[in-house]
């Protein structure tokens, strides 16, 4: 069983996202441990990029802060090496095609696999263009996570058939960020995926409260939260691990009850 599959083995999964290096890589490492202790099942580590097109203002600003602080892909790899000495929690990178291209696709994927990462999410790579990344990910045993959006109705089955790890269901059109309510028919999206392949589905974009997380987990296999956590990192800086831990604990309790 893959490490990612283990995240969904016990039931509904809570998946937090953080931007690496915001406010610093030392704090990011501590946040990972705090989130695991709080009950997180899988962690998304964002590698900052200068033009993160899928992100709303909260995560865009975090990317800029991290890059201004001197964060590089190699420094993030070094941080993961440290993290892997202390925990085997499933972890995936979320970044953009340009970051992987500029590093060298094979070099990036090989290194990510060697240091113990389990998967990769590239939100700006459409299904039709994923093959060049997927081939390399398969070669090194890294799951390339597929995203499905509310508009990709006819394409959902096609995407799901070739999906690995889990399917990231985008709850709303537009960019990441907290929303007061999510109106997309998540249940219908998940049903289409499951008809095509027996693979976990987790819902992200717009979730910020325990109630929303529980509702989305009730309709799928898990909930993904980024902006609300990144906001805490900005607000509390070096003290963020404690506050993020408390927030993640509340979210995990809500999701794991489903």
C-alpha atoms as a PDB file:
ATOM      1  CA  UNK A   1       0.000   0.000   0.000  1.00  0.00           C
ATOM      2  CA  UNK A   2       1.334   3.439  -0.913  1.00  0.00           C
ATOM      3  CA  UNK A   3       1.947   5.992   1.809  1.00  0.00           C
ATOM      4  CA  UNK A   4      -0.813   8.175   0.324  1.00  0.00           C
ATOM      5  CA  UNK A   5      -3.316   5.294   0.437  1.00  0.00           C
ATOM      6  CA  UNK A   6      -2.503   4.922   4.152  1.00  0.00           C
ATOM      7  CA  UNK A   7      -3.741   8.478   4.732  1.00  0.00           C
ATOM      8  CA  UNK A   8      -7.265   7.346   3.792  1.00  0.00           C
ATOM      9  CA  UNK A   9      -7.049   3.877   5.316  1.00  0.00           C
ATOM     10  CA  UNK A  10      -8.585   4.728   8.687  1.00  0.00           C
ATOM     11  CA  UNK A  11     -11.484   6.774   7.300  1.00  0.00           C
ATOM     12  CA  UNK A  12     -11.900  10.404   6.300  1.00  0.00           C
ATOM     13  CA  UNK A  13      -8.638  12.327   5.873  1.00  0.00           C
ATOM     14  CA  UNK A  14      -7.752  15.883   6.817  1.00  0.00           C
ATOM     15  CA  UNK A  15      -5.094  17.373   4.530  1.00  0.00           C
ATOM     16  CA  UNK A  16      -3.524  20.713   5.520  1.00  0.00           C
ATOM     17  CA  UNK A  17      -1.411  22.838   3.156  1.00  0.00           C
ATOM     18  CA  UNK A  18       1.430  25.212   4.039  1.00  0.00           C
ATOM     19  CA  UNK A  19       3.752  27.368   1.975  1.00  0.00           C
ATOM     20  CA  UNK A  20       7.329  26.300   2.687  1.00  0.00           C
ATOM     21  CA  UNK A  21       9.431  29.112   4.109  1.00  0.00           C
ATOM     22  CA  UNK A  22       6.578  31.310   5.308  1.00  0.00           C
ATOM     23  CA  UNK A  23       7.643  32.687   7.736  1.00  0.00           C
ATOM     24  CA  UNK A  24      10.852  30.532   7.604  1.00  0.00           C
ATOM     25  CA  UNK A  25      11.838  26.947   6.826  1.00  0.00           C
ATOM     26  CA  UNK A  26      12.636  26.354  10.510  1.00  0.00           C
ATOM     27  CA  UNK A  27       9.071  27.338  11.411  1.00  0.00           C
ATOM     28  CA  UNK A  28       7.664  25.297   8.490  1.00  0.00           C
ATOM     29  CA  UNK A  29       9.388  22.189   9.879  1.00  0.00           C
ATOM     30  CA  UNK A  30       7.874  22.799  13.332  1.00  0.00           C
ATOM     31  CA  UNK A  31       4.427  23.352  11.760  1.00  0.00           C
ATOM     32  CA  UNK A  32       4.639  19.948  10.030  1.00  0.00           C
ATOM     33  CA  UNK A  33       5.219  18.246  13.407  1.00  0.00           C
ATOM     34  CA  UNK A  34       2.452  20.303  15.042  1.00  0.00           C
ATOM     35  CA  UNK A  35      -0.010  19.345  12.283  1.00  0.00           C
ATOM     36  CA  UNK A  36       0.876  15.663  12.535  1.00  0.00           C
ATOM     37  CA  UNK A  37       0.485  15.748  16.332  1.00  0.00           C
ATOM     38  CA  UNK A  38      -2.909  17.461  15.849  1.00  0.00           C
ATOM     39  CA  UNK A  39      -4.115  14.525  13.718  1.00  0.00           C
ATOM     40  CA  UNK A  40      -3.400  15.507  10.090  1.00  0.00           C
ATOM     41  CA  UNK A  41      -3.420  12.489   7.770  1.00  0.00           C
ATOM     42  CA  UNK A  42      -1.425  13.862   4.823  1.00  0.00           C
ATOM     43  CA  UNK A  43       0.424  17.168   4.411  1.00  0.00           C
ATOM     44  CA  UNK A  44       0.772  19.328   1.298  1.00  0.00           C
ATOM     45  CA  UNK A  45       4.008  21.306   1.165  1.00  0.00           C
ATOM     46  CA  UNK A  46       3.819  24.269  -1.198  1.00  0.00           C
ATOM     47  CA  UNK A  47       7.016  25.132  -3.070  1.00  0.00           C
ATOM     48  CA  UNK A  48       6.764  28.895  -3.643  1.00  0.00           C
ATOM     49  CA  UNK A  49       6.562  30.279  -7.169  1.00  0.00           C
ATOM     50  CA  UNK A  50       6.547  33.886  -8.373  1.00  0.00           C
ATOM     51  CA  UNK A  51       3.285  33.522 -10.344  1.00  0.00           C
ATOM     52  CA  UNK A  52       1.027  30.990  -8.577  1.00  0.00           C
ATOM     53  CA  UNK A  53      -2.009  31.260 -10.873  1.00  0.00           C
ATOM     54  CA  UNK A  54      -4.333  28.924  -8.936  1.00  0.00           C
ATOM     55  CA  UNK A  55      -3.875  30.774  -5.665  1.00  0.00           C
ATOM     56  CA  UNK A  56      -5.868  33.566  -4.097  1.00  0.00           C
ATOM     57  CA  UNK A  57      -4.213  36.596  -2.447  1.00  0.00           C
ATOM     58  CA  UNK A  58      -3.454  34.849   0.885  1.00  0.00           C
ATOM     59  CA  UNK A  59      -1.260  32.134  -0.637  1.00  0.00           C
ATOM     60  CA  UNK A  60       0.119  34.453  -3.342  1.00  0.00           C
ATOM     61  CA  UNK A  61       1.421  36.763  -0.616  1.00  0.00           C
ATOM     62  CA  UNK A  62       2.899  33.795   1.268  1.00  0.00           C
ATOM     63  CA  UNK A  63       4.752  32.768  -1.909  1.00  0.00           C
ATOM     64  CA  UNK A  64       6.204  36.276  -2.237  1.00  0.00           C
ATOM     65  CA  UNK A  65       7.226  36.373   1.459  1.00  0.00           C
ATOM     66  CA  UNK A  66       8.926  32.975   1.205  1.00  0.00           C
ATOM     67  CA  UNK A  67      10.805  33.850  -2.004  1.00  0.00           C
ATOM     68  CA  UNK A  68      11.843  37.235  -0.554  1.00  0.00           C
ATOM     69  CA  UNK A  69      13.221  35.335   2.433  1.00  0.00           C
ATOM     70  CA  UNK A  70      15.530  33.366   0.146  1.00  0.00           C
ATOM     71  CA  UNK A  71      13.675  30.066  -0.038  1.00  0.00           C
ATOM     72  CA  UNK A  72      14.798  27.767  -2.863  1.00  0.00           C
ATOM     73  CA  UNK A  73      13.734  24.303  -3.997  1.00  0.00           C
ATOM     74  CA  UNK A  74      17.039  22.849  -2.744  1.00  0.00           C
ATOM     75  CA  UNK A  75      16.552  24.393   0.703  1.00  0.00           C
ATOM     76  CA  UNK A  76      13.054  22.868   0.820  1.00  0.00           C
ATOM     77  CA  UNK A  77      14.490  19.469  -0.139  1.00  0.00           C
ATOM     78  CA  UNK A  78      16.995  19.814   2.739  1.00  0.00           C
ATOM     79  CA  UNK A  79      14.132  20.611   5.137  1.00  0.00           C
ATOM     80  CA  UNK A  80      12.246  17.483   4.006  1.00  0.00           C
ATOM     81  CA  UNK A  81      15.348  15.374   4.712  1.00  0.00           C
ATOM     82  CA  UNK A  82      15.248  16.692   8.317  1.00  0.00           C
ATOM     83  CA  UNK A  83      11.499  16.079   8.594  1.00  0.00           C
ATOM     84  CA  UNK A  84      11.844  12.500   7.338  1.00  0.00           C
ATOM     85  CA  UNK A  85      14.217  11.714  10.235  1.00  0.00           C
ATOM     86  CA  UNK A  86      11.318  12.369  12.596  1.00  0.00           C
ATOM     87  CA  UNK A  87       8.113  11.337  10.821  1.00  0.00           C
ATOM     88  CA  UNK A  88       6.814   9.178   7.995  1.00  0.00           C
ATOM     89  CA  UNK A  89       3.507  11.065   7.624  1.00  0.00           C
ATOM     90  CA  UNK A  90       2.429  11.070   3.937  1.00  0.00           C
ATOM     91  CA  UNK A  91       3.563  14.291   2.239  1.00  0.00           C
ATOM     92  CA  UNK A  92       3.118  15.713  -1.262  1.00  0.00           C
ATOM     93  CA  UNK A  93       4.589  18.763  -2.932  1.00  0.00           C
ATOM     94  CA  UNK A  94       2.248  21.305  -4.491  1.00  0.00           C
ATOM     95  CA  UNK A  95       3.903  23.646  -6.946  1.00  0.00           C
ATOM     96  CA  UNK A  96       3.840  24.839 -10.559  1.00  0.00           C
ATOM     97  CA  UNK A  97       5.166  23.329 -13.784  1.00  0.00           C
ATOM     98  CA  UNK A  98       7.768  26.093 -14.153  1.00  0.00           C
ATOM     99  CA  UNK A  99       9.360  25.212 -10.803  1.00  0.00           C
ATOM    100  CA  UNK A 100       9.753  21.585 -11.899  1.00  0.00           C
ATOM    101  CA  UNK A 101      10.880  22.511 -15.448  1.00  0.00           C
ATOM    102  CA  UNK A 102      13.508  24.980 -14.300  1.00  0.00           C
ATOM    103  CA  UNK A 103      14.933  22.450 -11.827  1.00  0.00           C
ATOM    104  CA  UNK A 104      14.849  19.732 -14.506  1.00  0.00           C
ATOM    105  CA  UNK A 105      11.796  17.469 -14.410  1.00  0.00           C
ATOM    106  CA  UNK A 106      13.655  14.187 -13.945  1.00  0.00           C
ATOM    107  CA  UNK A 107      16.100  15.701 -11.474  1.00  0.00           C
ATOM    108  CA  UNK A 108      13.234  17.201  -9.433  1.00  0.00           C
ATOM    109  CA  UNK A 109      11.094  14.052  -9.330  1.00  0.00           C
ATOM    110  CA  UNK A 110      14.034  11.723  -8.617  1.00  0.00           C
ATOM    111  CA  UNK A 111      15.195  13.941  -5.746  1.00  0.00           C
ATOM    112  CA  UNK A 112      11.663  14.310  -4.329  1.00  0.00           C
ATOM    113  CA  UNK A 113      11.269  10.520  -4.319  1.00  0.00           C
ATOM    114  CA  UNK A 114      14.719   9.950  -2.792  1.00  0.00           C
ATOM    115  CA  UNK A 115      14.076  12.288   0.142  1.00  0.00           C
ATOM    116  CA  UNK A 116      10.781  10.551   0.941  1.00  0.00           C
ATOM    117  CA  UNK A 117       8.046  12.628  -0.696  1.00  0.00           C
ATOM    118  CA  UNK A 118       4.990  10.636  -1.765  1.00  0.00           C
ATOM    119  CA  UNK A 119       3.365  12.733  -4.468  1.00  0.00           C
ATOM    120  CA  UNK A 120       3.229  15.876  -6.546  1.00  0.00           C
ATOM    121  CA  UNK A 121       0.385  18.291  -7.373  1.00  0.00           C
ATOM    122  CA  UNK A 122       0.778  20.665 -10.340  1.00  0.00           C
ATOM    123  CA  UNK A 123      -2.423  22.754 -10.539  1.00  0.00           C
ATOM    124  CA  UNK A 124      -1.421  24.530 -13.754  1.00  0.00           C
ATOM    125  CA  UNK A 125      -0.871  21.326 -15.775  1.00  0.00           C
ATOM    126  CA  UNK A 126      -4.063  20.271 -17.605  1.00  0.00           C
ATOM    127  CA  UNK A 127      -4.887  16.592 -18.052  1.00  0.00           C
ATOM    128  CA  UNK A 128      -3.884  16.725 -21.720  1.00  0.00           C
ATOM    129  CA  UNK A 129      -0.361  17.848 -20.813  1.00  0.00           C
ATOM    130  CA  UNK A 130       0.291  15.736 -17.732  1.00  0.00           C
ATOM    131  CA  UNK A 131       1.885  12.765 -19.505  1.00  0.00           C
ATOM    132  CA  UNK A 132       5.394  14.241 -19.640  1.00  0.00           C
ATOM    133  CA  UNK A 133       5.342  14.628 -15.837  1.00  0.00           C
ATOM    134  CA  UNK A 134       3.414  11.420 -15.170  1.00  0.00           C
ATOM    135  CA  UNK A 135       5.923   9.220 -17.000  1.00  0.00           C
ATOM    136  CA  UNK A 136       8.754  10.510 -14.813  1.00  0.00           C
ATOM    137  CA  UNK A 137       6.684  10.307 -11.610  1.00  0.00           C
ATOM    138  CA  UNK A 138       5.786   6.677 -12.351  1.00  0.00           C
ATOM    139  CA  UNK A 139       9.453   5.886 -13.010  1.00  0.00           C
ATOM    140  CA  UNK A 140      10.418   7.042  -9.513  1.00  0.00           C
ATOM    141  CA  UNK A 141       7.307   5.908  -7.634  1.00  0.00           C
ATOM    142  CA  UNK A 142       5.847   9.360  -6.994  1.00  0.00           C
ATOM    143  CA  UNK A 143       2.069   9.820  -7.357  1.00  0.00           C
ATOM    144  CA  UNK A 144       1.109  12.688  -9.684  1.00  0.00           C
ATOM    145  CA  UNK A 145      -2.167  13.864  -8.141  1.00  0.00           C
ATOM    146  CA  UNK A 146      -4.934  14.773 -10.609  1.00  0.00           C
ATOM    147  CA  UNK A 147      -7.294  17.692 -10.080  1.00  0.00           C
ATOM    148  CA  UNK A 148     -10.901  17.782 -11.241  1.00  0.00           C
ATOM    149  CA  UNK A 149     -12.914  20.993 -11.442  1.00  0.00           C
ATOM    150  CA  UNK A 150     -16.690  21.584 -11.440  1.00  0.00           C
ATOM    151  CA  UNK A 151     -16.547  22.358 -15.168  1.00  0.00           C
ATOM    152  CA  UNK A 152     -14.756  19.180 -16.201  1.00  0.00           C
ATOM    153  CA  UNK A 153     -17.950  17.089 -16.089  1.00  0.00           C
ATOM    154  CA  UNK A 154     -17.393  15.059 -19.252  1.00  0.00           C
ATOM    155  CA  UNK A 155     -13.694  14.810 -18.506  1.00  0.00           C
ATOM    156  CA  UNK A 156     -13.998  13.635 -14.893  1.00  0.00           C
ATOM    157  CA  UNK A 157     -14.215   9.921 -15.754  1.00  0.00           C
ATOM    158  CA  UNK A 158     -11.325  10.248 -18.193  1.00  0.00           C
ATOM    159  CA  UNK A 159      -9.145  12.011 -15.593  1.00  0.00           C
ATOM    160  CA  UNK A 160     -10.154   9.599 -12.825  1.00  0.00           C
ATOM    161  CA  UNK A 161      -9.246   6.496 -14.850  1.00  0.00           C
ATOM    162  CA  UNK A 162      -5.611   7.594 -14.964  1.00  0.00           C
ATOM    163  CA  UNK A 163      -5.438   9.155 -11.486  1.00  0.00           C
ATOM    164  CA  UNK A 164      -2.937   8.084  -8.830  1.00  0.00           C
ATOM    165  CA  UNK A 165      -2.780   8.553  -5.056  1.00  0.00           C
ATOM    166  CA  UNK A 166      -6.000  10.508  -4.618  1.00  0.00           C
ATOM    167  CA  UNK A 167      -8.142  12.812  -6.735  1.00  0.00           C
ATOM    168  CA  UNK A 168      -8.146  16.488  -5.726  1.00  0.00           C
ATOM    169  CA  UNK A 169     -11.707  17.757  -6.218  1.00  0.00           C
ATOM    170  CA  UNK A 170     -11.712  21.530  -6.701  1.00  0.00           C
ATOM    171  CA  UNK A 171     -14.832  22.714  -4.874  1.00  0.00           C
ATOM    172  CA  UNK A 172     -15.236  26.070  -6.598  1.00  0.00           C
ATOM    173  CA  UNK A 173     -14.293  27.811  -9.802  1.00  0.00           C
ATOM    174  CA  UNK A 174     -11.582  30.425  -9.445  1.00  0.00           C
ATOM    175  CA  UNK A 175      -8.612  30.540  -7.106  1.00  0.00           C
ATOM    176  CA  UNK A 176      -7.930  29.185  -3.636  1.00  0.00           C
ATOM    177  CA  UNK A 177      -9.275  31.115  -0.663  1.00  0.00           C
ATOM    178  CA  UNK A 178     -11.846  30.995   2.095  1.00  0.00           C
ATOM    179  CA  UNK A 179     -15.498  31.068   1.072  1.00  0.00           C
ATOM    180  CA  UNK A 180     -18.642  31.518   3.127  1.00  0.00           C
ATOM    181  CA  UNK A 181     -20.330  28.607   1.344  1.00  0.00           C
ATOM    182  CA  UNK A 182     -19.584  25.985  -1.263  1.00  0.00           C
ATOM    183  CA  UNK A 183     -22.393  25.406  -3.735  1.00  0.00           C
ATOM    184  CA  UNK A 184     -20.786  22.907  -6.135  1.00  0.00           C
ATOM    185  CA  UNK A 185     -22.403  19.454  -6.249  1.00  0.00           C
ATOM    186  CA  UNK A 186     -19.407  17.663  -4.760  1.00  0.00           C
ATOM    187  CA  UNK A 187     -21.354  14.426  -4.333  1.00  0.00           C
ATOM    188  CA  UNK A 188     -21.937  14.217  -8.087  1.00  0.00           C
ATOM    189  CA  UNK A 189     -18.244  14.853  -8.845  1.00  0.00           C
ATOM    190  CA  UNK A 190     -17.143  12.151  -6.419  1.00  0.00           C
ATOM    191  CA  UNK A 191     -19.686   9.685  -7.834  1.00  0.00           C
ATOM    192  CA  UNK A 192     -18.287  10.167 -11.352  1.00  0.00           C
ATOM    193  CA  UNK A 193     -14.756   9.527 -10.080  1.00  0.00           C
ATOM    194  CA  UNK A 194     -15.716   6.384  -8.173  1.00  0.00           C
ATOM    195  CA  UNK A 195     -17.562   4.998 -11.199  1.00  0.00           C
ATOM    196  CA  UNK A 196     -14.308   5.252 -13.160  1.00  0.00           C
ATOM    197  CA  UNK A 197     -11.825   4.127 -10.505  1.00  0.00           C
ATOM    198  CA  UNK A 198     -11.714   3.058  -6.876  1.00  0.00           C
ATOM    199  CA  UNK A 199      -9.555   5.939  -5.639  1.00  0.00           C
ATOM    200  CA  UNK A 200      -9.932   8.351  -2.696  1.00  0.00           C
ATOM    201  CA  UNK A 201     -11.317  11.843  -3.424  1.00  0.00           C
ATOM    202  CA  UNK A 202     -10.467  14.853  -1.252  1.00  0.00           C
ATOM    203  CA  UNK A 203     -12.084  18.279  -1.604  1.00  0.00           C
ATOM    204  CA  UNK A 204     -10.157  21.554  -1.512  1.00  0.00           C
ATOM    205  CA  UNK A 205     -10.499  25.295  -2.354  1.00  0.00           C
ATOM    206  CA  UNK A 206     -12.676  27.387  -0.072  1.00  0.00           C
ATOM    207  CA  UNK A 207     -12.824  25.293   3.121  1.00  0.00           C
ATOM    208  CA  UNK A 208     -11.998  27.169   6.323  1.00  0.00           C
ATOM    209  CA  UNK A 209     -14.342  26.083   9.146  1.00  0.00           C
ATOM    210  CA  UNK A 210     -14.802  22.713  10.898  1.00  0.00           C
ATOM    211  CA  UNK A 211     -18.422  22.691   9.699  1.00  0.00           C
ATOM    212  CA  UNK A 212     -17.388  23.113   6.043  1.00  0.00           C
ATOM    213  CA  UNK A 213     -14.641  20.492   6.418  1.00  0.00           C
ATOM    214  CA  UNK A 214     -17.068  17.999   7.950  1.00  0.00           C
ATOM    215  CA  UNK A 215     -19.628  18.635   5.215  1.00  0.00           C
ATOM    216  CA  UNK A 216     -17.063  18.134   2.427  1.00  0.00           C
ATOM    217  CA  UNK A 217     -15.611  15.037   4.097  1.00  0.00           C
ATOM    218  CA  UNK A 218     -19.149  13.687   4.373  1.00  0.00           C
ATOM    219  CA  UNK A 219     -19.455  13.930   0.592  1.00  0.00           C
ATOM    220  CA  UNK A 220     -15.967  12.611  -0.187  1.00  0.00           C
ATOM    221  CA  UNK A 221     -12.964  10.926   1.454  1.00  0.00           C
ATOM    222  CA  UNK A 222     -11.361  14.015   2.915  1.00  0.00           C
ATOM    223  CA  UNK A 223     -10.981  17.779   3.162  1.00  0.00           C
ATOM    224  CA  UNK A 224      -8.029  19.967   2.120  1.00  0.00           C
ATOM    225  CA  UNK A 225      -7.376  23.361   3.723  1.00  0.00           C
ATOM    226  CA  UNK A 226      -4.707  25.888   2.742  1.00  0.00           C
ATOM    227  CA  UNK A 227      -5.561  29.596   2.917  1.00  0.00           C
ATOM    228  CA  UNK A 228      -6.897  29.511   6.495  1.00  0.00           C
ATOM    229  CA  UNK A 229      -3.645  27.876   7.684  1.00  0.00           C
ATOM    230  CA  UNK A 230      -1.409  30.172   5.638  1.00  0.00           C
ATOM    231  CA  UNK A 231      -3.276  33.128   7.175  1.00  0.00           C
ATOM    232  CA  UNK A 232      -2.307  31.870  10.652  1.00  0.00           C
ATOM    233  CA  UNK A 233       1.334  31.602   9.543  1.00  0.00           C
ATOM    234  CA  UNK A 234       1.275  35.267   8.513  1.00  0.00           C
ATOM    235  CA  UNK A 235      -0.517  36.364  11.670  1.00  0.00           C
ATOM    236  CA  UNK A 236       1.626  34.516  14.226  1.00  0.00           C
ATOM    237  CA  UNK A 237       5.014  34.189  12.509  1.00  0.00           C
ATOM    238  CA  UNK A 238       7.453  32.245  14.689  1.00  0.00           C
ATOM    239  CA  UNK A 239       4.598  31.336  17.068  1.00  0.00           C
ATOM    240  CA  UNK A 240       2.511  29.846  14.241  1.00  0.00           C
ATOM    241  CA  UNK A 241       3.153  26.131  15.057  1.00  0.00           C
ATOM    242  CA  UNK A 242       1.093  26.281  18.253  1.00  0.00           C
ATOM    243  CA  UNK A 243      -1.807  28.168  16.622  1.00  0.00           C
ATOM    244  CA  UNK A 244      -1.794  26.043  13.463  1.00  0.00           C
ATOM    245  CA  UNK A 245      -1.760  22.938  15.657  1.00  0.00           C
ATOM    246  CA  UNK A 246      -4.877  24.093  17.533  1.00  0.00           C
ATOM    247  CA  UNK A 247      -6.673  24.918  14.275  1.00  0.00           C
ATOM    248  CA  UNK A 248      -5.744  21.608  12.637  1.00  0.00           C
ATOM    249  CA  UNK A 249      -6.847  19.696  15.748  1.00  0.00           C
ATOM    250  CA  UNK A 250     -10.332  21.246  15.514  1.00  0.00           C
ATOM    251  CA  UNK A 251     -10.521  20.499  11.780  1.00  0.00           C
ATOM    252  CA  UNK A 252      -9.331  16.908  12.255  1.00  0.00           C
ATOM    253  CA  UNK A 253     -11.884  16.280  14.973  1.00  0.00           C
ATOM    254  CA  UNK A 254     -14.656  17.507  12.651  1.00  0.00           C
ATOM    255  CA  UNK A 255     -13.459  15.421   9.688  1.00  0.00           C
ATOM    256  CA  UNK A 256     -12.630  12.244  11.610  1.00  0.00           C
ATOM    257  CA  UNK A 257     -16.126  12.189  13.140  1.00  0.00           C
ATOM    258  CA  UNK A 258     -17.649  11.729   9.677  1.00  0.00           C
END
